[in-house]
C-alpha atoms as a PDB file:
ATOM      1  CA  MET A   1     -17.157  -1.924  -6.947  1.00  0.00           C
ATOM      2  CA  ARG A   2     -19.884  -3.995  -5.277  1.00  0.00           C
ATOM      3  CA  TRP A   3     -21.123  -5.079  -8.705  1.00  0.00           C
ATOM      4  CA  VAL A   4     -17.608  -6.215  -9.684  1.00  0.00           C
ATOM      5  CA  ASP A   5     -17.050  -8.016  -6.361  1.00  0.00           C
ATOM      6  CA  GLU A   6     -20.071 -10.166  -7.101  1.00  0.00           C
ATOM      7  CA  ARG A   7     -18.707 -11.114 -10.545  1.00  0.00           C
ATOM      8  CA  LEU A   8     -14.974 -11.639 -10.096  1.00  0.00           C
ATOM      9  CA  ALA A   9     -15.120 -15.024 -11.840  1.00  0.00           C
ATOM     10  CA  ASP A  10     -16.655 -13.454 -14.964  1.00  0.00           C
ATOM     11  CA  ASP A  11     -14.734 -12.255 -18.005  1.00  0.00           C
ATOM     12  CA  LEU A  12     -14.815  -8.648 -16.852  1.00  0.00           C
ATOM     13  CA  SER A  13     -13.189  -5.750 -18.678  1.00  0.00           C
ATOM     14  CA  VAL A  14     -12.797  -2.046 -18.069  1.00  0.00           C
ATOM     15  CA  ALA A  15     -15.257  -1.476 -20.914  1.00  0.00           C
ATOM     16  CA  ALA A  16     -17.860  -3.626 -19.115  1.00  0.00           C
ATOM     17  CA  MET A  17     -17.285  -1.744 -15.863  1.00  0.00           C
ATOM     18  CA  ALA A  18     -17.628   1.604 -17.648  1.00  0.00           C
ATOM     19  CA  LYS A  19     -20.851   0.482 -19.347  1.00  0.00           C
ATOM     20  CA  ARG A  20     -22.300  -0.603 -16.010  1.00  0.00           C
ATOM     21  CA  ALA A  21     -21.432   2.797 -14.522  1.00  0.00           C
ATOM     22  CA  GLY A  22     -22.901   4.643 -17.523  1.00  0.00           C
ATOM     23  CA  TYR A  23     -19.725   6.362 -18.714  1.00  0.00           C
ATOM     24  CA  SER A  24     -17.389   6.148 -21.657  1.00  0.00           C
ATOM     25  CA  GLU A  25     -14.387   3.940 -20.943  1.00  0.00           C
ATOM     26  CA  ALA A  26     -11.944   6.869 -20.967  1.00  0.00           C
ATOM     27  CA  HIS A  27     -14.063   9.071 -18.687  1.00  0.00           C
ATOM     28  CA  PHE A  28     -14.817   6.159 -16.350  1.00  0.00           C
ATOM     29  CA  SER A  29     -11.113   5.351 -16.064  1.00  0.00           C
ATOM     30  CA  ARG A  30     -10.292   8.956 -15.156  1.00  0.00           C
ATOM     31  CA  LEU A  31     -13.046   9.115 -12.534  1.00  0.00           C
ATOM     32  CA  PHE A  32     -12.121   5.737 -11.077  1.00  0.00           C
ATOM     33  CA  LEU A  33      -8.454   6.691 -10.764  1.00  0.00           C
ATOM     34  CA  ALA A  34      -9.390   9.931  -8.993  1.00  0.00           C
ATOM     35  CA  VAL A  35     -11.643   8.144  -6.485  1.00  0.00           C
ATOM     36  CA  ALA A  36      -9.818   4.857  -5.901  1.00  0.00           C
ATOM     37  CA  GLY A  37      -6.228   5.981  -6.426  1.00  0.00           C
ATOM     38  CA  GLU A  38      -5.521   3.321  -9.048  1.00  0.00           C
ATOM     39  CA  SER A  39      -6.734   2.322 -12.503  1.00  0.00           C
ATOM     40  CA  PRO A  40      -9.829   0.102 -12.881  1.00  0.00           C
ATOM     41  CA  ALA A  41      -7.726  -2.740 -14.318  1.00  0.00           C
ATOM     42  CA  SER A  42      -5.229  -2.601 -11.449  1.00  0.00           C
ATOM     43  CA  TRP A  43      -8.011  -2.459  -8.869  1.00  0.00           C
ATOM     44  CA  LEU A  44      -9.795  -5.409 -10.488  1.00  0.00           C
ATOM     45  CA  THR A  45      -6.643  -7.509 -10.401  1.00  0.00           C
ATOM     46  CA  GLY A  46      -6.103  -6.535  -6.762  1.00  0.00           C
ATOM     47  CA  ARG A  47      -9.637  -7.611  -5.837  1.00  0.00           C
ATOM     48  CA  ARG A  48      -9.145 -10.930  -7.597  1.00  0.00           C
ATOM     49  CA  VAL A  49      -5.888 -11.534  -5.752  1.00  0.00           C
ATOM     50  CA  THR A  50      -7.544 -10.643  -2.442  1.00  0.00           C
ATOM     51  CA  ARG A  51     -10.403 -13.076  -3.134  1.00  0.00           C
ATOM     52  CA  ALA A  52      -7.895 -15.752  -4.150  1.00  0.00           C
ATOM     53  CA  ALA A  53      -5.976 -15.254  -0.906  1.00  0.00           C
ATOM     54  CA  GLU A  54      -9.229 -15.703   1.015  1.00  0.00           C
ATOM     55  CA  ARG A  55      -9.870 -18.964  -0.860  1.00  0.00           C
ATOM     56  CA  LEU A  56      -6.331 -20.181  -0.167  1.00  0.00           C
ATOM     57  CA  ARG A  57      -6.784 -19.405   3.519  1.00  0.00           C
ATOM     58  CA  SER A  58     -10.186 -21.007   3.877  1.00  0.00           C
ATOM     59  CA  GLY A  59      -9.780 -24.358   2.133  1.00  0.00           C
ATOM     60  CA  ARG A  60      -7.660 -26.886   0.280  1.00  0.00           C
ATOM     61  CA  ALA A  61      -8.840 -26.110  -3.252  1.00  0.00           C
ATOM     62  CA  HIS A  62      -6.361 -26.700  -6.078  1.00  0.00           C
ATOM     63  CA  VAL A  63      -4.504 -23.564  -7.170  1.00  0.00           C
ATOM     64  CA  LEU A  64      -5.941 -23.875 -10.702  1.00  0.00           C
ATOM     65  CA  ASP A  65      -9.489 -23.983  -9.334  1.00  0.00           C
ATOM     66  CA  VAL A  66      -8.816 -20.903  -7.190  1.00  0.00           C
ATOM     67  CA  ALA A  67      -7.392 -19.077 -10.209  1.00  0.00           C
ATOM     68  CA  LEU A  68     -10.434 -19.796 -12.379  1.00  0.00           C
ATOM     69  CA  GLU A  69     -12.927 -19.032  -9.604  1.00  0.00           C
ATOM     70  CA  CYS A  70     -11.312 -15.608  -9.175  1.00  0.00           C
ATOM     71  CA  GLY A  71     -11.342 -14.674 -12.841  1.00  0.00           C
ATOM     72  CA  PHE A  72      -7.797 -15.514 -13.975  1.00  0.00           C
ATOM     73  CA  VAL A  73      -7.475 -17.228 -17.346  1.00  0.00           C
ATOM     74  CA  ASP A  74      -4.700 -19.620 -16.293  1.00  0.00           C
ATOM     75  CA  VAL A  75      -2.358 -20.512 -13.439  1.00  0.00           C
ATOM     76  CA  THR A  76       0.603 -18.598 -14.919  1.00  0.00           C
ATOM     77  CA  THR A  77      -1.295 -15.305 -15.082  1.00  0.00           C
ATOM     78  CA  PHE A  78      -2.687 -15.914 -11.603  1.00  0.00           C
ATOM     79  CA  ALA A  79       0.709 -16.741 -10.077  1.00  0.00           C
ATOM     80  CA  ARG A  80       2.323 -13.670 -11.641  1.00  0.00           C
ATOM     81  CA  ALA A  81      -0.380 -11.318 -10.355  1.00  0.00           C
ATOM     82  CA  PHE A  82      -0.479 -12.972  -6.933  1.00  0.00           C
ATOM     83  CA  ARG A  83       3.287 -12.786  -6.453  1.00  0.00           C
ATOM     84  CA  ARG A  84       3.431  -9.172  -7.585  1.00  0.00           C
ATOM     85  CA  ARG A  85       0.898  -8.174  -4.931  1.00  0.00           C
ATOM     86  CA  THR A  86       1.787 -10.455  -2.018  1.00  0.00           C
ATOM     87  CA  GLY A  87       5.464 -11.181  -2.504  1.00  0.00           C
ATOM     88  CA  LEU A  88       4.718 -14.932  -2.590  1.00  0.00           C
ATOM     89  CA  SER A  89       3.514 -17.472  -5.107  1.00  0.00           C
ATOM     90  CA  PRO A  90       0.056 -18.963  -4.329  1.00  0.00           C
ATOM     91  CA  SER A  91       1.659 -22.229  -3.210  1.00  0.00           C
ATOM     92  CA  ALA A  92       4.234 -20.455  -1.011  1.00  0.00           C
ATOM     93  CA  TYR A  93       1.469 -18.315   0.467  1.00  0.00           C
ATOM     94  CA  ARG A  94      -0.475 -21.432   1.413  1.00  0.00           C
ATOM     95  CA  ARG A  95       2.643 -23.026   2.912  1.00  0.00           C
ATOM     96  CA  ALA A  96       3.268 -19.864   4.949  1.00  0.00           C
ATOM     97  CA  LEU A  97      -0.270 -20.075   6.314  1.00  0.00           C
ATOM     98  CA  ARG A  98       0.248 -23.655   7.382  1.00  0.00           C
ATOM     99  CA  ALA A  99       3.598 -22.858   8.986  1.00  0.00           C
ATOM    100  CA  ASP A 100       1.906 -20.014  10.871  1.00  0.00           C
ATOM    101  CA  GLY A 101      -0.799 -22.312  12.210  1.00  0.00           C
ATOM    102  CA  GLY A 102      -3.347 -21.164   9.675  1.00  0.00           C
ATOM    103  CA  CYS A 103      -3.363 -17.581  10.884  1.00  0.00           C
ATOM    104  CA  SER A 104      -4.221 -14.802   8.459  1.00  0.00           C
ATOM    105  CA  VAL A 105      -1.245 -13.278   6.674  1.00  0.00           C
ATOM    106  CA  GLY A 106      -1.453  -9.681   5.465  1.00  0.00           C
ATOM    107  CA  LEU A 107      -1.432  -8.931   1.755  1.00  0.00           C
ATOM    108  CA  VAL A 108       1.036  -6.659  -0.011  1.00  0.00           C
ATOM    109  CA  ARG A 109      -0.606  -5.338  -3.144  1.00  0.00           C
ATOM    110  CA  GLU A 110       1.460  -3.426  -5.694  1.00  0.00           C
ATOM    111  CA  ALA A 111      -0.680  -0.513  -6.892  1.00  0.00           C
ATOM    112  CA  GLY A 112       1.382   1.191  -9.580  1.00  0.00           C
ATOM    113  CA  THR A 113       3.435   4.373  -9.509  1.00  0.00           C
ATOM    114  CA  VAL A 114       2.432   7.802  -8.224  1.00  0.00           C
ATOM    115  CA  ALA A 115       4.080  11.202  -8.192  1.00  0.00           C
ATOM    116  CA  SER A 116       4.220  12.168  -4.505  1.00  0.00           C
ATOM    117  CA  PRO A 117       4.391  15.969  -4.204  1.00  0.00           C
ATOM    118  CA  ALA A 118       6.638  17.745  -1.719  1.00  0.00           C
ATOM    119  CA  PHE A 119       4.918  18.351   1.604  1.00  0.00           C
ATOM    120  CA  CYS A 120       5.588  19.619   5.113  1.00  0.00           C
ATOM    121  CA  LEU A 121       4.923  17.360   8.070  1.00  0.00           C
ATOM    122  CA  SER A 122       4.192  18.564  11.581  1.00  0.00           C
ATOM    123  CA  ALA A 123       5.653  15.595  13.398  1.00  0.00           C
ATOM    124  CA  LEU A 124       7.124  13.902  16.420  1.00  0.00           C
ATOM    125  CA  THR A 125      10.225  11.803  15.776  1.00  0.00           C
ATOM    126  CA  VAL A 126      12.051   8.901  17.369  1.00  0.00           C
ATOM    127  CA  ASP A 127      15.266   7.101  16.482  1.00  0.00           C
ATOM    128  CA  VAL A 128      14.594   3.388  16.020  1.00  0.00           C
ATOM    129  CA  LEU A 129      17.201   0.770  16.793  1.00  0.00           C
ATOM    130  CA  ASP A 130      15.985  -2.841  16.970  1.00  0.00           C
ATOM    131  CA  ASP A 131      12.632  -1.719  18.439  1.00  0.00           C
ATOM    132  CA  THR A 132       9.707  -2.691  16.223  1.00  0.00           C
ATOM    133  CA  ALA A 133       7.240  -1.244  18.742  1.00  0.00           C
ATOM    134  CA  ALA A 134       8.677   2.295  18.554  1.00  0.00           C
ATOM    135  CA  PRO A 135       6.592   3.535  15.569  1.00  0.00           C
ATOM    136  CA  GLY A 136       3.362   2.326  17.168  1.00  0.00           C
ATOM    137  CA  GLY A 137       4.256   4.139  20.381  1.00  0.00           C
ATOM    138  CA  LEU A 138       4.982   7.295  18.388  1.00  0.00           C
ATOM    139  CA  TRP A 139       1.537   7.151  16.749  1.00  0.00           C
ATOM    140  CA  ARG A 140      -0.089   6.922  20.175  1.00  0.00           C
ATOM    141  CA  ALA A 141       1.966   9.873  21.412  1.00  0.00           C
ATOM    142  CA  VAL A 142       0.983  11.994  18.400  1.00  0.00           C
ATOM    143  CA  LEU A 143      -2.730  11.266  18.812  1.00  0.00           C
ATOM    144  CA  LEU A 144      -2.511  12.029  22.536  1.00  0.00           C
ATOM    145  CA  HIS A 145      -0.778  15.381  21.928  1.00  0.00           C
ATOM    146  CA  LEU A 146      -3.368  16.328  19.288  1.00  0.00           C
ATOM    147  CA  GLU A 147      -6.188  15.473  21.675  1.00  0.00           C
ATOM    148  CA  GLU A 148      -4.620  17.497  24.485  1.00  0.00           C
ATOM    149  CA  ALA A 149      -4.166  20.460  22.122  1.00  0.00           C
ATOM    150  CA  GLY A 150      -7.785  20.194  20.975  1.00  0.00           C
ATOM    151  CA  LEU A 151      -6.758  19.706  17.352  1.00  0.00           C
ATOM    152  CA  ARG A 152      -8.748  17.627  14.917  1.00  0.00           C
ATOM    153  CA  VAL A 153      -6.753  16.273  11.985  1.00  0.00           C
ATOM    154  CA  ASP A 154      -8.300  14.474   9.025  1.00  0.00           C
ATOM    155  CA  ARG A 155      -7.096  10.862   9.008  1.00  0.00           C
ATOM    156  CA  ARG A 156      -6.139  11.258   5.338  1.00  0.00           C
ATOM    157  CA  ASP A 157      -3.622  13.970   6.299  1.00  0.00           C
ATOM    158  CA  MET A 158      -1.692  11.722   8.682  1.00  0.00           C
ATOM    159  CA  ARG A 159       1.703  10.414   7.558  1.00  0.00           C
ATOM    160  CA  GLN A 160       4.591   8.327   8.813  1.00  0.00           C
ATOM    161  CA  VAL A 161       7.976   8.963   7.221  1.00  0.00           C
ATOM    162  CA  ALA A 162      11.032   6.834   7.942  1.00  0.00           C
ATOM    163  CA  PHE A 163      14.406   8.162   6.804  1.00  0.00           C
ATOM    164  CA  TRP A 164      17.948   7.007   7.339  1.00  0.00           C
ATOM    165  CA  ARG A 165      21.642   7.397   6.674  1.00  0.00           C
ATOM    166  CA  GLY A 166      23.458   4.161   5.933  1.00  0.00           C
ATOM    167  CA  ASP A 167      21.658   0.868   6.505  1.00  0.00           C
ATOM    168  CA  PRO A 168      17.953   1.300   7.475  1.00  0.00           C
ATOM    169  CA  GLN A 169      17.951  -2.183   9.012  1.00  0.00           C
ATOM    170  CA  THR A 170      20.491  -0.939  11.562  1.00  0.00           C
ATOM    171  CA  ARG A 171      18.962   2.417  12.465  1.00  0.00           C
ATOM    172  CA  TYR A 172      16.412   4.836  11.119  1.00  0.00           C
ATOM    173  CA  THR A 173      14.418   7.869  12.268  1.00  0.00           C
ATOM    174  CA  CYS A 174      10.650   7.597  12.326  1.00  0.00           C
ATOM    175  CA  ALA A 175       8.477  10.720  12.040  1.00  0.00           C
ATOM    176  CA  VAL A 176       4.706  10.656  12.586  1.00  0.00           C
ATOM    177  CA  GLY A 177       2.421  13.633  12.155  1.00  0.00           C
ATOM    178  CA  PHE A 178       0.109  15.507   9.828  1.00  0.00           C
ATOM    179  CA  VAL A 179       0.545  17.413   6.585  1.00  0.00           C
ATOM    180  CA  CYS A 180       0.632  21.156   7.211  1.00  0.00           C
ATOM    181  CA  GLY A 181       1.493  24.460   5.560  1.00  0.00           C
ATOM    182  CA  THR A 182       4.903  26.099   5.944  1.00  0.00           C
ATOM    183  CA  GLY A 183       3.437  29.075   7.804  1.00  0.00           C
ATOM    184  CA  GLU A 184       1.294  27.186  10.299  1.00  0.00           C
ATOM    185  CA  ASP A 185       1.858  27.460  14.026  1.00  0.00           C
ATOM    186  CA  LEU A 186       2.849  24.008  15.210  1.00  0.00           C
ATOM    187  CA  PRO A 187       1.604  22.629  18.525  1.00  0.00           C
ATOM    188  CA  LEU A 188       4.457  21.824  20.898  1.00  0.00           C
ATOM    189  CA  PRO A 189       6.393  19.523  20.875  1.00  0.00           C
ATOM    190  CA  PHE A 190       5.835  19.038  17.131  1.00  0.00           C
ATOM    191  CA  ALA A 191       8.571  20.011  14.683  1.00  0.00           C
ATOM    192  CA  LEU A 192       8.475  20.758  10.952  1.00  0.00           C
ATOM    193  CA  LEU A 193       9.807  18.143   8.550  1.00  0.00           C
ATOM    194  CA  ARG A 194      10.049  18.892   4.816  1.00  0.00           C
ATOM    195  CA  VAL A 195       9.624  15.826   2.601  1.00  0.00           C
ATOM    196  CA  PRO A 196      10.750  16.272  -1.024  1.00  0.00           C
ATOM    197  CA  ALA A 197       8.737  15.329  -4.084  1.00  0.00           C
ATOM    198  CA  ALA A 198       9.381  11.847  -5.439  1.00  0.00           C
ATOM    199  CA  LEU A 199       8.209   9.341  -7.982  1.00  0.00           C
ATOM    200  CA  CYS A 200       7.056   6.402  -5.859  1.00  0.00           C
ATOM    201  CA  ARG A 201       6.068   2.786  -6.238  1.00  0.00           C
ATOM    202  CA  ARG A 202       2.862   2.372  -4.246  1.00  0.00           C
ATOM    203  CA  PHE A 203       1.970  -0.691  -2.177  1.00  0.00           C
ATOM    204  CA  VAL A 204      -1.228  -1.366  -0.255  1.00  0.00           C
ATOM    205  CA  ILE A 205      -0.948  -3.282   3.041  1.00  0.00           C
ATOM    206  CA  GLU A 206      -4.401  -4.469   4.017  1.00  0.00           C
ATOM    207  CA  ARG A 207      -3.602  -5.759   7.506  1.00  0.00           C
ATOM    208  CA  PRO A 208      -0.569  -3.734   8.657  1.00  0.00           C
ATOM    209  CA  ASP A 209      -0.967  -4.505  12.367  1.00  0.00           C
ATOM    210  CA  GLU A 210      -0.295  -8.179  11.662  1.00  0.00           C
ATOM    211  CA  THR A 211       2.508  -8.290   9.130  1.00  0.00           C
ATOM    212  CA  LEU A 212       3.991  -4.860   8.444  1.00  0.00           C
ATOM    213  CA  ALA A 213       7.576  -6.028   8.984  1.00  0.00           C
ATOM    214  CA  ALA A 214       7.046  -8.981   6.623  1.00  0.00           C
ATOM    215  CA  ALA A 215       5.420  -6.615   4.119  1.00  0.00           C
ATOM    216  CA  TYR A 216       8.484  -4.364   4.041  1.00  0.00           C
ATOM    217  CA  GLU A 217      10.703  -7.408   3.603  1.00  0.00           C
ATOM    218  CA  ALA A 218       8.612  -8.562   0.628  1.00  0.00           C
ATOM    219  CA  ILE A 219       8.675  -5.063  -0.899  1.00  0.00           C
ATOM    220  CA  TYR A 220      12.415  -4.476  -0.679  1.00  0.00           C
ATOM    221  CA  GLU A 221      13.670  -8.006  -1.207  1.00  0.00           C
ATOM    222  CA  ASP A 222      11.185  -9.294  -3.785  1.00  0.00           C
ATOM    223  CA  LEU A 223       8.706  -6.873  -5.346  1.00  0.00           C
ATOM    224  CA  LEU A 224      11.016  -3.940  -6.108  1.00  0.00           C
ATOM    225  CA  PRO A 225      13.804  -6.129  -7.578  1.00  0.00           C
ATOM    226  CA  ALA A 226      11.254  -8.140  -9.577  1.00  0.00           C
ATOM    227  CA  ALA A 227       9.954  -4.892 -11.112  1.00  0.00           C
ATOM    228  CA  GLY A 228      13.492  -3.704 -11.874  1.00  0.00           C
ATOM    229  CA  ASP A 229      13.073  -0.653  -9.646  1.00  0.00           C
ATOM    230  CA  ARG A 230      16.002   1.322  -8.267  1.00  0.00           C
ATOM    231  CA  LEU A 231      15.627   3.321  -5.045  1.00  0.00           C
ATOM    232  CA  ALA A 232      15.818   7.071  -5.532  1.00  0.00           C
ATOM    233  CA  ALA A 233      15.902   8.363  -1.943  1.00  0.00           C
ATOM    234  CA  ASN A 234      16.609   7.359   1.641  1.00  0.00           C
ATOM    235  CA  PHE A 235      13.049   7.646   2.960  1.00  0.00           C
ATOM    236  CA  VAL A 236       9.709   5.860   2.744  1.00  0.00           C
ATOM    237  CA  ILE A 237       6.191   7.200   3.359  1.00  0.00           C
ATOM    238  CA  GLU A 238       3.238   5.493   5.007  1.00  0.00           C
ATOM    239  CA  ARG A 239      -0.211   7.010   4.754  1.00  0.00           C
ATOM    240  CA  PRO A 240      -3.867   5.962   5.191  1.00  0.00           C
ATOM    241  CA  ARG A 241      -5.483   4.806   1.996  1.00  0.00           C
ATOM    242  CA  PRO A 242      -6.966   7.833   0.154  1.00  0.00           C
ATOM    243  CA  ASP A 243     -10.074   5.797  -0.750  1.00  0.00           C
ATOM    244  CA  GLY A 244     -10.844   5.298   2.955  1.00  0.00           C
ATOM    245  CA  GLY A 245     -10.268   1.534   2.793  1.00  0.00           C
ATOM    246  CA  GLU A 246      -8.696  -0.554   5.513  1.00  0.00           C
ATOM    247  CA  GLY A 247      -4.936  -0.662   5.809  1.00  0.00           C
ATOM    248  CA  VAL A 248      -2.193   1.702   4.707  1.00  0.00           C
ATOM    249  CA  GLU A 249      -0.280   2.666   1.604  1.00  0.00           C
ATOM    250  CA  ILE A 250       3.500   2.547   1.463  1.00  0.00           C
ATOM    251  CA  LEU A 251       5.199   4.905  -1.010  1.00  0.00           C
ATOM    252  CA  VAL A 252       8.772   3.953  -1.920  1.00  0.00           C
ATOM    253  CA  PRO A 253      10.738   6.556  -3.961  1.00  0.00           C
ATOM    254  CA  ILE A 254      12.096   4.988  -7.148  1.00  0.00           C
ATOM    255  CA  VAL A 255      13.887   6.013 -10.327  1.00  0.00           C
ATOM    256  CA  GLY A 256      11.418   5.629 -13.175  1.00  0.00           C
ATOM    257  CA  THR A 257       8.441   7.020 -15.010  1.00  0.00           C
ATOM    258  CA  VAL A 258       4.762   7.833 -14.473  1.00  0.00           C
ATOM    259  CA  ASP A 259       2.473   6.981 -17.397  1.00  0.00           C
ATOM    260  CA  GLY A 260       5.486   6.644 -19.652  1.00  0.00           C
ATOM    261  CA  ALA A 261       6.788  10.161 -19.026  1.00  0.00           C
ATOM    262  CA  ASP A 262      10.060  10.760 -17.186  1.00  0.00           C
ATOM    263  CA  ARG A 263       9.616  12.703 -13.936  1.00  0.00           C
END
């Protein structure tokens, strides 16, 4: 990954990455997917978009120059990849920065589809109605209860699940907790929530504290419709990135396929 980051402007390929790592392309791709949670090609495109966003934030370079410096062959390919992962075209992204006084805007990176297995969540819940601070308060409450109970939970096992009946913009229930077994004794006041298996479109939000609400708006109003996705359930999952990177992943249940096979 460090080697690729230093060569994003080069004509890189998965074969070149595999050769550098000392594996066959097929074996390298399997290992990379297991470690990073996405294919090498998808990760490479994501890194190029992230670098391009940094260039758009830091200067007034022409969009074509930014595209070429970040390894895209032309503006059209760059704009398509950038919009798919941020919800905005490069030009619109730059305009948004200027309108926001030049402040950093979080990226929404589409990271393919995953089959999310069914799991049980030991969680605290709160009904949310026009209170964007409620989920953050719930996270703090969960961490405080775990500390008081003397429980240590791996960060990768933490989840936030929002579910609703009707219009989620009007009211939804937010659950925050940790993945557990069905027979585990739950610390009070935690309750057991069963989350069904689902095929999900995965999005990576690299700076959720800054723009999570805008990220959800981009996902539901732009990225999902652009991909032709149809929602398959009335819940959405947030989890820490499995690769340990900064930010969170958002898993949105959709009707579709994984690797070409219906699930």
